[in-house]
Amino acid sequence: MVTKKEEKKPVINIEWCKGCGICVEFCPEEALIMDEMEKAKLAYPEKCNGCGMCELRCPDLAIELI
């Protein structure tokens, strides 16, 4: 039996996020936005394809795919 691979989504540690916006710029699906406190936010989880670009590009290590 073949099981569907579990999809991973970014979890953002807002304590570590400095609000640079790099993750938002590199997200190919435009699933991330900057919130009212200038922190990254997964605003459209249904758009996220779990590619990991946000995690890879975050200079503050504030994003983890879980």
Protein backbone atom coordinates (compact mmCIF):
# COMPACT_ATOMS: atom_id res chain seq x y z
CA MET A 1 0.00 0.00 0.00
CA VAL A 2 1.34 3.42 -0.98
CA THR A 3 0.71 6.21 1.48
CA LYS A 4 0.64 9.87 0.61
CA LYS A 5 3.69 11.74 1.83
CA GLU A 6 2.81 13.94 4.76
CA GLU A 7 2.86 17.58 3.73
CA LYS A 8 5.05 19.88 5.76
CA LYS A 9 4.17 23.49 6.46
CA PRO A 10 6.35 26.30 7.77
CA VAL A 11 6.14 27.17 11.45
CA ILE A 12 7.46 30.64 12.18
CA ASN A 13 9.08 31.48 15.50
CA ILE A 14 8.02 35.11 15.86
CA GLU A 15 10.50 35.61 18.70
CA TRP A 16 13.35 34.97 16.27
CA CYS A 17 11.82 36.65 13.21
CA LYS A 18 13.40 40.06 12.59
CA GLY A 19 10.96 40.97 9.83
CA CYS A 20 13.39 41.07 6.93
CA GLY A 21 10.80 39.67 4.48
CA ILE A 22 13.23 37.41 2.63
CA CYS A 23 10.95 34.40 3.13
CA VAL A 24 8.01 36.32 1.66
CA GLU A 25 10.04 37.30 -1.40
CA PHE A 26 11.28 33.73 -2.04
CA CYS A 27 7.93 31.96 -1.53
CA PRO A 28 7.00 30.73 -5.03
CA GLU A 29 3.34 30.28 -4.08
CA GLU A 30 2.92 33.62 -2.24
CA ALA A 31 1.69 31.81 0.87
CA LEU A 32 3.60 34.06 3.27
CA ILE A 33 2.97 37.71 4.15
CA MET A 34 4.32 40.24 6.58
CA ASP A 35 1.79 40.82 9.36
CA GLU A 36 0.88 44.07 11.12
CA MET A 37 3.85 43.63 13.48
CA GLU A 38 6.23 43.20 10.50
CA LYS A 39 6.72 39.50 11.22
CA ALA A 40 6.40 36.68 8.69
CA LYS A 41 3.08 34.87 8.70
CA LEU A 42 1.72 31.86 6.82
CA ALA A 43 -1.42 33.62 5.63
CA TYR A 44 -2.42 31.13 2.93
CA PRO A 45 -1.56 27.59 4.11
CA GLU A 46 -3.60 26.11 1.28
CA LYS A 47 -1.17 27.68 -1.22
CA CYS A 48 1.96 26.35 0.51
CA ASN A 49 3.54 23.45 -1.38
CA GLY A 50 6.11 22.65 1.34
CA CYS A 51 9.09 23.46 -0.89
CA GLY A 52 11.18 24.76 2.02
CA MET A 53 12.45 27.92 0.34
CA CYS A 54 11.34 30.01 3.32
CA GLU A 55 13.22 27.78 5.76
CA LEU A 56 16.30 27.70 3.53
CA ARG A 57 16.44 31.46 3.00
CA CYS A 58 15.61 32.66 6.54
CA PRO A 59 18.82 34.22 7.92
CA ASP A 60 17.48 34.08 11.49
CA LEU A 61 16.55 30.36 11.44
CA ALA A 62 13.05 31.43 12.49
CA ILE A 63 11.24 29.05 10.11
CA GLU A 64 11.01 25.29 10.36
CA LEU A 65 9.02 22.95 8.15
CA ILE A 66 6.94 20.64 10.33
